[in-house]
PDB file of N, CA and C in Angstrom:
ATOM      1  N   MET A   1    -219.466  81.666  -0.648  1.00  0.00           N
ATOM      2  CA  MET A   1    -219.555  81.141   0.690  1.00  0.00           C
ATOM      3  C   MET A   1    -220.141  79.744   0.603  1.00  0.00           C
ATOM      4  N   ILE A   2    -219.546  78.862   1.356  1.00  0.00           N
ATOM      5  CA  ILE A   2    -220.022  77.483   1.453  1.00  0.00           C
ATOM      6  C   ILE A   2    -220.543  77.294   2.872  1.00  0.00           C
ATOM      7  N   VAL A   3    -221.784  76.824   2.998  1.00  0.00           N
ATOM      8  CA  VAL A   3    -222.395  76.634   4.307  1.00  0.00           C
ATOM      9  C   VAL A   3    -222.672  75.154   4.500  1.00  0.00           C
ATOM     10  N   ASP A   4    -222.288  74.635   5.658  1.00  0.00           N
ATOM     11  CA  ASP A   4    -222.526  73.238   6.013  1.00  0.00           C
ATOM     12  C   ASP A   4    -223.305  73.221   7.330  1.00  0.00           C
ATOM     13  N   LEU A   5    -224.475  72.643   7.318  1.00  0.00           N
ATOM     14  CA  LEU A   5    -225.323  72.562   8.505  1.00  0.00           C
ATOM     15  C   LEU A   5    -225.112  71.213   9.170  1.00  0.00           C
ATOM     16  N   LYS A   6    -224.700  71.225  10.423  1.00  0.00           N
ATOM     17  CA  LYS A   6    -224.461  70.002  11.189  1.00  0.00           C
ATOM     18  C   LYS A   6    -225.489  69.906  12.314  1.00  0.00           C
ATOM     19  N   LEU A   7    -226.016  68.739  12.532  1.00  0.00           N
ATOM     20  CA  LEU A   7    -227.019  68.523  13.578  1.00  0.00           C
ATOM     21  C   LEU A   7    -226.384  68.136  14.909  1.00  0.00           C
ATOM     22  N   THR A   8    -225.069  68.070  14.940  1.00  0.00           N
ATOM     23  CA  THR A   8    -224.346  67.643  16.139  1.00  0.00           C
ATOM     24  C   THR A   8    -223.333  68.705  16.562  1.00  0.00           C
ATOM     25  N   GLU A   9    -222.558  68.387  17.572  1.00  0.00           N
ATOM     26  CA  GLU A   9    -221.495  69.283  18.035  1.00  0.00           C
ATOM     27  C   GLU A   9    -220.366  69.315  17.010  1.00  0.00           C
ATOM     28  N   LEU A  10    -219.729  70.476  16.870  1.00  0.00           N
ATOM     29  CA  LEU A  10    -218.594  70.645  15.975  1.00  0.00           C
ATOM     30  C   LEU A  10    -217.501  69.653  16.325  1.00  0.00           C
ATOM     31  N   ASN A  11    -216.914  69.006  15.297  1.00  0.00           N
ATOM     32  CA  ASN A  11    -215.759  68.142  15.551  1.00  0.00           C
ATOM     33  C   ASN A  11    -214.695  68.398  14.492  1.00  0.00           C
ATOM     34  N   HIS A  12    -213.503  67.851  14.716  1.00  0.00           N
ATOM     35  CA  HIS A  12    -212.381  68.138  13.818  1.00  0.00           C
ATOM     36  C   HIS A  12    -212.623  67.620  12.401  1.00  0.00           C
ATOM     37  N   ALA A  13    -213.385  66.561  12.249  1.00  0.00           N
ATOM     38  CA  ALA A  13    -213.685  66.035  10.913  1.00  0.00           C
ATOM     39  C   ALA A  13    -214.528  67.034  10.113  1.00  0.00           C
ATOM     40  N   ASP A  14    -215.445  67.727  10.791  1.00  0.00           N
ATOM     41  CA  ASP A  14    -216.254  68.752  10.122  1.00  0.00           C
ATOM     42  C   ASP A  14    -215.366  69.852   9.554  1.00  0.00           C
ATOM     43  N   VAL A  15    -214.364  70.249  10.325  1.00  0.00           N
ATOM     44  CA  VAL A  15    -213.450  71.309   9.892  1.00  0.00           C
ATOM     45  C   VAL A  15    -212.630  70.839   8.690  1.00  0.00           C
ATOM     46  N   GLY A  16    -212.126  69.613   8.749  1.00  0.00           N
ATOM     47  CA  GLY A  16    -211.367  69.068   7.627  1.00  0.00           C
ATOM     48  C   GLY A  16    -212.207  68.955   6.360  1.00  0.00           C
ATOM     49  N   GLN A  17    -213.457  68.540   6.532  1.00  0.00           N
ATOM     50  CA  GLN A  17    -214.364  68.436   5.400  1.00  0.00           C
ATOM     51  C   GLN A  17    -214.597  69.809   4.762  1.00  0.00           C
ATOM     52  N   MET A  18    -214.831  70.817   5.572  1.00  0.00           N
ATOM     53  CA  MET A  18    -215.059  72.159   5.043  1.00  0.00           C
ATOM     54  C   MET A  18    -213.798  72.692   4.359  1.00  0.00           C
ATOM     55  N   HIS A  19    -212.649  72.413   4.930  1.00  0.00           N
ATOM     56  CA  HIS A  19    -211.380  72.835   4.321  1.00  0.00           C
ATOM     57  C   HIS A  19    -211.255  72.234   2.918  1.00  0.00           C
ATOM     58  N   MET A  20    -211.627  70.963   2.776  1.00  0.00           N
ATOM     59  CA  MET A  20    -211.597  70.300   1.477  1.00  0.00           C
ATOM     60  C   MET A  20    -212.585  70.969   0.517  1.00  0.00           C
ATOM     61  N   TYR A  21    -213.806  71.269   0.994  1.00  0.00           N
ATOM     62  CA  TYR A  21    -214.799  71.949   0.149  1.00  0.00           C
ATOM     63  C   TYR A  21    -214.256  73.283  -0.349  1.00  0.00           C
ATOM     64  N   CYS A  22    -213.613  74.038   0.536  1.00  0.00           N
ATOM     65  CA  CYS A  22    -213.069  75.349   0.150  1.00  0.00           C
ATOM     66  C   CYS A  22    -211.959  75.209  -0.886  1.00  0.00           C
ATOM     67  N   ASN A  23    -211.097  74.207  -0.709  1.00  0.00           N
ATOM     68  CA  ASN A  23    -210.039  73.973  -1.697  1.00  0.00           C
ATOM     69  C   ASN A  23    -210.624  73.629  -3.062  1.00  0.00           C
ATOM     70  N   TYR A  24    -211.648  72.784  -3.079  1.00  0.00           N
ATOM     71  CA  TYR A  24    -212.295  72.418  -4.339  1.00  0.00           C
ATOM     72  C   TYR A  24    -212.932  73.647  -4.993  1.00  0.00           C
ATOM     73  N   ALA A  25    -213.671  74.406  -4.196  1.00  0.00           N
ATOM     74  CA  ALA A  25    -214.347  75.595  -4.711  1.00  0.00           C
ATOM     75  C   ALA A  25    -213.342  76.608  -5.255  1.00  0.00           C
ATOM     76  N   LYS A  26    -212.227  76.770  -4.541  1.00  0.00           N
ATOM     77  CA  LYS A  26    -211.196  77.719  -4.985  1.00  0.00           C
ATOM     78  C   LYS A  26    -210.650  77.312  -6.353  1.00  0.00           C
ATOM     79  N   GLU A  27    -210.443  76.020  -6.559  1.00  0.00           N
ATOM     80  CA  GLU A  27    -209.866  75.547  -7.812  1.00  0.00           C
ATOM     81  C   GLU A  27    -210.879  75.502  -8.960  1.00  0.00           C
ATOM     82  N   HIS A  28    -212.117  75.136  -8.668  1.00  0.00           N
ATOM     83  CA  HIS A  28    -213.074  74.878  -9.738  1.00  0.00           C
ATOM     84  C   HIS A  28    -214.175  75.926  -9.901  1.00  0.00           C
ATOM     85  N   TRP A  29    -214.464  76.713  -8.896  1.00  0.00           N
ATOM     86  CA  TRP A  29    -215.594  77.636  -8.977  1.00  0.00           C
ATOM     87  C   TRP A  29    -215.197  79.111  -8.922  1.00  0.00           C
ATOM     88  N   THR A  30    -214.035  79.420  -8.387  1.00  0.00           N
ATOM     89  CA  THR A  30    -213.637  80.812  -8.218  1.00  0.00           C
ATOM     90  C   THR A  30    -213.165  81.392  -9.547  1.00  0.00           C
ATOM     91  N   LEU A  31    -213.709  82.545  -9.877  1.00  0.00           N
ATOM     92  CA  LEU A  31    -213.322  83.228 -11.105  1.00  0.00           C
ATOM     93  C   LEU A  31    -212.089  84.092 -10.865  1.00  0.00           C
ATOM     94  N   PRO A  32    -211.326  84.404 -11.926  1.00  0.00           N
ATOM     95  CA  PRO A  32    -210.151  85.272 -11.760  1.00  0.00           C
ATOM     96  C   PRO A  32    -210.555  86.606 -11.121  1.00  0.00           C
ATOM     97  N   GLY A  33    -209.785  87.041 -10.152  1.00  0.00           N
ATOM     98  CA  GLY A  33    -210.046  88.301  -9.471  1.00  0.00           C
ATOM     99  C   GLY A  33    -210.991  88.185  -8.282  1.00  0.00           C
ATOM    100  N   GLU A  34    -211.649  87.050  -8.111  1.00  0.00           N
ATOM    101  CA  GLU A  34    -212.543  86.869  -6.962  1.00  0.00           C
ATOM    102  C   GLU A  34    -211.752  86.488  -5.717  1.00  0.00           C
ATOM    103  N   ASN A  35    -212.305  86.827  -4.565  1.00  0.00           N
ATOM    104  CA  ASN A  35    -211.719  86.387  -3.302  1.00  0.00           C
ATOM    105  C   ASN A  35    -211.929  84.890  -3.157  1.00  0.00           C
ATOM    106  N   PRO A  36    -211.063  84.234  -2.397  1.00  0.00           N
ATOM    107  CA  PRO A  36    -211.253  82.799  -2.180  1.00  0.00           C
ATOM    108  C   PRO A  36    -212.538  82.542  -1.380  1.00  0.00           C
ATOM    109  N   PRO A  37    -213.098  81.348  -1.519  1.00  0.00           N
ATOM    110  CA  PRO A  37    -214.337  81.042  -0.807  1.00  0.00           C
ATOM    111  C   PRO A  37    -214.139  81.030   0.706  1.00  0.00           C
ATOM    112  N   VAL A  38    -215.233  81.291   1.402  1.00  0.00           N
ATOM    113  CA  VAL A  38    -215.260  81.237   2.866  1.00  0.00           C
ATOM    114  C   VAL A  38    -216.190  80.099   3.246  1.00  0.00           C
ATOM    115  N   GLY A  39    -215.789  79.305   4.221  1.00  0.00           N
ATOM    116  CA  GLY A  39    -216.624  78.211   4.696  1.00  0.00           C
ATOM    117  C   GLY A  39    -217.249  78.558   6.033  1.00  0.00           C
ATOM    118  N   LEU A  40    -218.531  78.237   6.177  1.00  0.00           N
ATOM    119  CA  LEU A  40    -219.249  78.465   7.433  1.00  0.00           C
ATOM    120  C   LEU A  40    -219.884  77.159   7.859  1.00  0.00           C
ATOM    121  N   ILE A  41    -219.499  76.687   9.037  1.00  0.00           N
ATOM    122  CA  ILE A  41    -220.077  75.472   9.597  1.00  0.00           C
ATOM    123  C   ILE A  41    -221.068  75.892  10.674  1.00  0.00           C
ATOM    124  N   LEU A  42    -222.340  75.615  10.452  1.00  0.00           N
ATOM    125  CA  LEU A  42    -223.377  75.877  11.454  1.00  0.00           C
ATOM    126  C   LEU A  42    -223.644  74.564  12.166  1.00  0.00           C
ATOM    127  N   CYS A  43    -223.461  74.560  13.474  1.00  0.00           N
ATOM    128  CA  CYS A  43    -223.615  73.316  14.223  1.00  0.00           C
ATOM    129  C   CYS A  43    -224.546  73.502  15.416  1.00  0.00           C
ATOM    130  N   ALA A  44    -225.102  72.386  15.874  1.00  0.00           N
ATOM    131  CA  ALA A  44    -226.045  72.427  16.991  1.00  0.00           C
ATOM    132  C   ALA A  44    -225.356  72.906  18.268  1.00  0.00           C
ATOM    133  N   ARG A  45    -224.085  72.534  18.427  1.00  0.00           N
ATOM    134  CA  ARG A  45    -223.308  72.971  19.592  1.00  0.00           C
ATOM    135  C   ARG A  45    -221.872  73.200  19.139  1.00  0.00           C
ATOM    136  N   THR A  46    -221.283  74.253  19.674  1.00  0.00           N
ATOM    137  CA  THR A  46    -219.871  74.478  19.375  1.00  0.00           C
ATOM    138  C   THR A  46    -219.031  73.835  20.465  1.00  0.00           C
ATOM    139  N   ASN A  47    -217.794  73.606  20.154  1.00  0.00           N
ATOM    140  CA  ASN A  47    -216.826  73.066  21.096  1.00  0.00           C
ATOM    141  C   ASN A  47    -215.641  74.016  21.033  1.00  0.00           C
ATOM    142  N   ALA A  48    -215.443  74.787  22.085  1.00  0.00           N
ATOM    143  CA  ALA A  48    -214.426  75.845  22.069  1.00  0.00           C
ATOM    144  C   ALA A  48    -213.033  75.312  21.754  1.00  0.00           C
ATOM    145  N   ALA A  49    -212.668  74.176  22.320  1.00  0.00           N
ATOM    146  CA  ALA A  49    -211.328  73.627  22.074  1.00  0.00           C
ATOM    147  C   ALA A  49    -211.181  73.197  20.619  1.00  0.00           C
ATOM    148  N   ILE A  50    -212.174  72.505  20.089  1.00  0.00           N
ATOM    149  CA  ILE A  50    -212.122  72.087  18.688  1.00  0.00           C
ATOM    150  C   ILE A  50    -212.075  73.314  17.782  1.00  0.00           C
ATOM    151  N   ALA A  51    -212.929  74.284  18.058  1.00  0.00           N
ATOM    152  CA  ALA A  51    -212.949  75.492  17.231  1.00  0.00           C
ATOM    153  C   ALA A  51    -211.599  76.186  17.253  1.00  0.00           C
ATOM    154  N   ARG A  52    -211.009  76.294  18.418  1.00  0.00           N
ATOM    155  CA  ARG A  52    -209.727  76.999  18.536  1.00  0.00           C
ATOM    156  C   ARG A  52    -208.601  76.274  17.806  1.00  0.00           C
ATOM    157  N   TYR A  53    -208.452  74.986  18.072  1.00  0.00           N
ATOM    158  CA  TYR A  53    -207.297  74.279  17.531  1.00  0.00           C
ATOM    159  C   TYR A  53    -207.498  73.780  16.102  1.00  0.00           C
ATOM    160  N   ALA A  54    -208.701  73.457  15.715  1.00  0.00           N
ATOM    161  CA  ALA A  54    -208.926  72.947  14.360  1.00  0.00           C
ATOM    162  C   ALA A  54    -209.053  74.078  13.340  1.00  0.00           C
ATOM    163  N   LEU A  55    -209.604  75.224  13.745  1.00  0.00           N
ATOM    164  CA  LEU A  55    -209.826  76.310  12.796  1.00  0.00           C
ATOM    165  C   LEU A  55    -208.632  77.241  12.658  1.00  0.00           C
ATOM    166  N   ASP A  56    -207.804  77.353  13.693  1.00  0.00           N
ATOM    167  CA  ASP A  56    -206.698  78.300  13.680  1.00  0.00           C
ATOM    168  C   ASP A  56    -205.616  77.879  12.690  1.00  0.00           C
ATOM    169  N   GLY A  57    -205.168  78.811  11.876  1.00  0.00           N
ATOM    170  CA  GLY A  57    -204.038  78.575  10.986  1.00  0.00           C
ATOM    171  C   GLY A  57    -204.377  77.928   9.660  1.00  0.00           C
ATOM    172  N   LEU A  58    -205.653  77.721   9.362  1.00  0.00           N
ATOM    173  CA  LEU A  58    -206.014  77.146   8.070  1.00  0.00           C
ATOM    174  C   LEU A  58    -205.727  78.143   6.957  1.00  0.00           C
ATOM    175  N   ALA A  59    -205.324  77.628   5.806  1.00  0.00           N
ATOM    176  CA  ALA A  59    -205.107  78.503   4.650  1.00  0.00           C
ATOM    177  C   ALA A  59    -206.428  79.092   4.166  1.00  0.00           C
ATOM    178  N   ASN A  60    -207.506  78.342   4.327  1.00  0.00           N
ATOM    179  CA  ASN A  60    -208.842  78.817   3.952  1.00  0.00           C
ATOM    180  C   ASN A  60    -209.512  79.472   5.148  1.00  0.00           C
ATOM    181  N   LYS A  61    -210.394  80.404   4.858  1.00  0.00           N
ATOM    182  CA  LYS A  61    -211.179  81.051   5.914  1.00  0.00           C
ATOM    183  C   LYS A  61    -212.373  80.139   6.209  1.00  0.00           C
ATOM    184  N   VAL A  62    -212.341  79.500   7.386  1.00  0.00           N
ATOM    185  CA  VAL A  62    -213.418  78.617   7.815  1.00  0.00           C
ATOM    186  C   VAL A  62    -213.890  79.100   9.178  1.00  0.00           C
ATOM    187  N   LEU A  63    -215.192  79.297   9.304  1.00  0.00           N
ATOM    188  CA  LEU A  63    -215.795  79.776  10.541  1.00  0.00           C
ATOM    189  C   LEU A  63    -216.777  78.739  11.052  1.00  0.00           C
ATOM    190  N   ALA A  64    -216.980  78.704  12.359  1.00  0.00           N
ATOM    191  CA  ALA A  64    -217.982  77.819  12.956  1.00  0.00           C
ATOM    192  C   ALA A  64    -218.860  78.649  13.872  1.00  0.00           C
ATOM    193  N   ALA A  65    -220.146  78.366  13.841  1.00  0.00           N
ATOM    194  CA  ALA A  65    -221.090  79.083  14.694  1.00  0.00           C
ATOM    195  C   ALA A  65    -222.190  78.129  15.136  1.00  0.00           C
ATOM    196  N   GLU A  66    -222.699  78.387  16.309  1.00  0.00           N
ATOM    197  CA  GLU A  66    -223.813  77.602  16.837  1.00  0.00           C
ATOM    198  C   GLU A  66    -225.111  78.219  16.352  1.00  0.00           C
ATOM    199  N   TYR A  67    -226.034  77.395  15.919  1.00  0.00           N
ATOM    200  CA  TYR A  67    -227.325  77.912  15.485  1.00  0.00           C
ATOM    201  C   TYR A  67    -228.387  77.613  16.534  1.00  0.00           C
ATOM    202  N   HIS A  68    -229.458  78.359  16.471  1.00  0.00           N
ATOM    203  CA  HIS A  68    -230.575  78.186  17.396  1.00  0.00           C
ATOM    204  C   HIS A  68    -231.822  77.870  16.589  1.00  0.00           C
ATOM    205  N   THR A  69    -232.643  76.980  17.085  1.00  0.00           N
ATOM    206  CA  THR A  69    -233.845  76.594  16.351  1.00  0.00           C
ATOM    207  C   THR A  69    -235.049  77.453  16.713  1.00  0.00           C
ATOM    208  N   VAL A  70    -234.902  78.317  17.704  1.00  0.00           N
ATOM    209  CA  VAL A  70    -235.997  79.202  18.110  1.00  0.00           C
ATOM    210  C   VAL A  70    -235.476  80.633  18.089  1.00  0.00           C
ATOM    211  N   LEU A  71    -236.194  81.505  17.407  1.00  0.00           N
ATOM    212  CA  LEU A  71    -235.804  82.911  17.353  1.00  0.00           C
ATOM    213  C   LEU A  71    -236.228  83.626  18.626  1.00  0.00           C
ATOM    214  N   PRO A  72    -235.498  84.679  19.018  1.00  0.00           N
ATOM    215  CA  PRO A  72    -235.943  85.505  20.133  1.00  0.00           C
ATOM    216  C   PRO A  72    -237.230  86.232  19.749  1.00  0.00           C
ATOM    217  N   ASP A  73    -237.879  86.824  20.723  1.00  0.00           N
ATOM    218  CA  ASP A  73    -239.143  87.499  20.419  1.00  0.00           C
ATOM    219  C   ASP A  73    -238.913  88.695  19.488  1.00  0.00           C
ATOM    220  N   GLU A  74    -239.963  89.130  18.836  1.00  0.00           N
ATOM    221  CA  GLU A  74    -239.893  90.169  17.808  1.00  0.00           C
ATOM    222  C   GLU A  74    -239.317  91.480  18.348  1.00  0.00           C
ATOM    223  N   ARG A  75    -239.689  91.875  19.557  1.00  0.00           N
ATOM    224  CA  ARG A  75    -239.198  93.122  20.142  1.00  0.00           C
ATOM    225  C   ARG A  75    -237.683  93.083  20.289  1.00  0.00           C
ATOM    226  N   LEU A  76    -237.157  91.987  20.799  1.00  0.00           N
ATOM    227  CA  LEU A  76    -235.711  91.858  20.983  1.00  0.00           C
ATOM    228  C   LEU A  76    -234.985  91.915  19.637  1.00  0.00           C
ATOM    229  N   LEU A  77    -235.514  91.242  18.623  1.00  0.00           N
ATOM    230  CA  LEU A  77    -234.909  91.289  17.292  1.00  0.00           C
ATOM    231  C   LEU A  77    -234.909  92.711  16.734  1.00  0.00           C
ATOM    232  N   ALA A  78    -236.033  93.415  16.879  1.00  0.00           N
ATOM    233  CA  ALA A  78    -236.135  94.791  16.383  1.00  0.00           C
ATOM    234  C   ALA A  78    -235.130  95.697  17.087  1.00  0.00           C
ATOM    235  N   GLU A  79    -234.978  95.541  18.393  1.00  0.00           N
ATOM    236  CA  GLU A  79    -234.017  96.347  19.150  1.00  0.00           C
ATOM    237  C   GLU A  79    -232.590  96.073  18.682  1.00  0.00           C
ATOM    238  N   GLU A  80    -232.264  94.807  18.470  1.00  0.00           N
ATOM    239  CA  GLU A  80    -230.911  94.444  18.047  1.00  0.00           C
ATOM    240  C   GLU A  80    -230.620  94.970  16.638  1.00  0.00           C
ATOM    241  N   LEU A  81    -231.598  94.881  15.744  1.00  0.00           N
ATOM    242  CA  LEU A  81    -231.419  95.429  14.398  1.00  0.00           C
ATOM    243  C   LEU A  81    -231.218  96.942  14.434  1.00  0.00           C
ATOM    244  N   ALA A  82    -232.006  97.638  15.242  1.00  0.00           N
ATOM    245  CA  ALA A  82    -231.878  99.094  15.356  1.00  0.00           C
ATOM    246  C   ALA A  82    -230.503  99.469  15.916  1.00  0.00           C
ATOM    247  N   LYS A  83    -230.044  98.747  16.918  1.00  0.00           N
ATOM    248  CA  LYS A  83    -228.732  99.004  17.523  1.00  0.00           C
ATOM    249  C   LYS A  83    -227.620  98.784  16.493  1.00  0.00           C
ATOM    250  N   THR A  84    -227.701  97.685  15.755  1.00  0.00           N
ATOM    251  CA  THR A  84    -226.683  97.385  14.747  1.00  0.00           C
ATOM    252  C   THR A  84    -226.675  98.441  13.646  1.00  0.00           C
ATOM    253  N   ARG A  85    -227.849  98.882  13.235  1.00  0.00           N
ATOM    254  CA  ARG A  85    -227.934  99.922  12.199  1.00  0.00           C
ATOM    255  C   ARG A  85    -227.301 101.222  12.687  1.00  0.00           C
ATOM    256  N   ARG A  86    -227.583 101.624  13.943  1.00  0.00           N
ATOM    257  CA  ARG A  86    -226.981 102.851  14.489  1.00  0.00           C
ATOM    258  C   ARG A  86    -225.461 102.748  14.520  1.00  0.00           C
ATOM    259  N   GLU A  87    -224.950 101.593  14.937  1.00  0.00           N
ATOM    260  CA  GLU A  87    -223.495 101.398  14.990  1.00  0.00           C
ATOM    261  C   GLU A  87    -222.886 101.471  13.590  1.00  0.00           C
ATOM    262  N   TRP A  88    -223.541 100.833  12.617  1.00  0.00           N
ATOM    263  CA  TRP A  88    -223.033 100.848  11.250  1.00  0.00           C
ATOM    264  C   TRP A  88    -223.046 102.264  10.690  1.00  0.00           C
ATOM    265  N   GLU A  89    -224.134 102.981  10.914  1.00  0.00           N
ATOM    266  CA  GLU A  89    -224.240 104.345  10.403  1.00  0.00           C
ATOM    267  C   GLU A  89    -223.206 105.266  11.048  1.00  0.00           C
ATOM    268  N   ALA A  90    -222.892 105.045  12.310  1.00  0.00           N
ATOM    269  CA  ALA A  90    -221.871 105.847  12.981  1.00  0.00           C
ATOM    270  C   ALA A  90    -220.488 105.599  12.372  1.00  0.00           C
ATOM    271  N   GLN A  91    -220.241 104.389  11.904  1.00  0.00           N
ATOM    272  CA  GLN A  91    -218.951 104.046  11.305  1.00  0.00           C
ATOM    273  C   GLN A  91    -218.872 104.405   9.823  1.00  0.00           C
ATOM    274  N   HIS A  92    -220.024 104.584   9.165  1.00  0.00           N
ATOM    275  CA  HIS A  92    -220.065 104.847   7.723  1.00  0.00           C
ATOM    276  C   HIS A  92    -220.994 106.026   7.425  1.00  0.00           C
ATOM    277  N   PRO A  93    -220.695 107.203   7.928  1.00  0.00           N
ATOM    278  CA  PRO A  93    -221.632 108.321   7.799  1.00  0.00           C
ATOM    279  C   PRO A  93    -221.833 108.836   6.372  1.00  0.00           C
ATOM    280  N   MET A  94    -220.898 108.635   5.466  1.00  0.00           N
ATOM    281  CA  MET A  94    -221.002 109.210   4.129  1.00  0.00           C
ATOM    282  C   MET A  94    -221.453 108.218   3.071  1.00  0.00           C
ATOM    283  N   LEU A  95    -221.700 106.969   3.443  1.00  0.00           N
ATOM    284  CA  LEU A  95    -222.093 105.964   2.453  1.00  0.00           C
ATOM    285  C   LEU A  95    -223.578 106.052   2.140  1.00  0.00           C
ATOM    286  N   PRO A  96    -223.960 105.683   0.903  1.00  0.00           N
ATOM    287  CA  PRO A  96    -225.394 105.671   0.559  1.00  0.00           C
ATOM    288  C   PRO A  96    -226.135 104.722   1.499  1.00  0.00           C
ATOM    289  N   GLY A  97    -227.318 105.121   1.876  1.00  0.00           N
ATOM    290  CA  GLY A  97    -228.107 104.292   2.788  1.00  0.00           C
ATOM    291  C   GLY A  97    -227.885 104.660   4.235  1.00  0.00           C
ATOM    292  N   SER A  98    -226.907 105.514   4.500  1.00  0.00           N
ATOM    293  CA  SER A  98    -226.671 105.947   5.868  1.00  0.00           C
ATOM    294  C   SER A  98    -227.640 107.049   6.222  1.00  0.00           C
ATOM    295  N   GLY A  99    -227.801 107.267   7.463  1.00  0.00           N
ATOM    296  CA  GLY A  99    -228.705 108.310   7.921  1.00  0.00           C
ATOM    297  C   GLY A  99    -230.028 107.740   8.344  1.00  0.00           C
ATOM    298  N   SER A 100    -230.838 108.564   8.902  1.00  0.00           N
ATOM    299  CA  SER A 100    -232.128 108.137   9.433  1.00  0.00           C
ATOM    300  C   SER A 100    -233.113 107.881   8.302  1.00  0.00           C
ATOM    301  N   LEU A 101    -233.976 106.922   8.532  1.00  0.00           N
ATOM    302  CA  LEU A 101    -235.070 106.678   7.603  1.00  0.00           C
ATOM    303  C   LEU A 101    -236.171 107.672   7.852  1.00  0.00           C
ATOM    304  N   SER A 102    -236.786 108.136   6.818  1.00  0.00           N
ATOM    305  CA  SER A 102    -237.888 109.097   6.969  1.00  0.00           C
ATOM    306  C   SER A 102    -239.187 108.390   7.188  1.00  0.00           C
TER     307      SER A 102
END
C-alpha cells in the first residue's frame, strides 16, 4: 500500500501522481505472486466530482479519503470498535479470533 498525505483538497493531479506511484511500485517492488499495490490518498478535504471522475476506471486501485485532525471522544471510538467487531464476528463465525472475549 502506498499512502500519500495531502494538506489540501483532492485534485486530479494528486490522482495522476498516485497512479504513477502505483505503476512504479508494481514494476519495481511487487514480488511474483503478490497483488498489485493499492494507493491511498489522504486529503484535508475530498471533492466528490474529482473523486468520481478521476478515480473511476483506473487500472490501479487508488482510493481517496478525507482525514480528520481531531479524534472523536474515547466512548464513541469504543462503541464503534465494538460494533465493527460484532459485525465481523457475525460474518466470520468459524475463523480464529471470532467469538466473545473472556
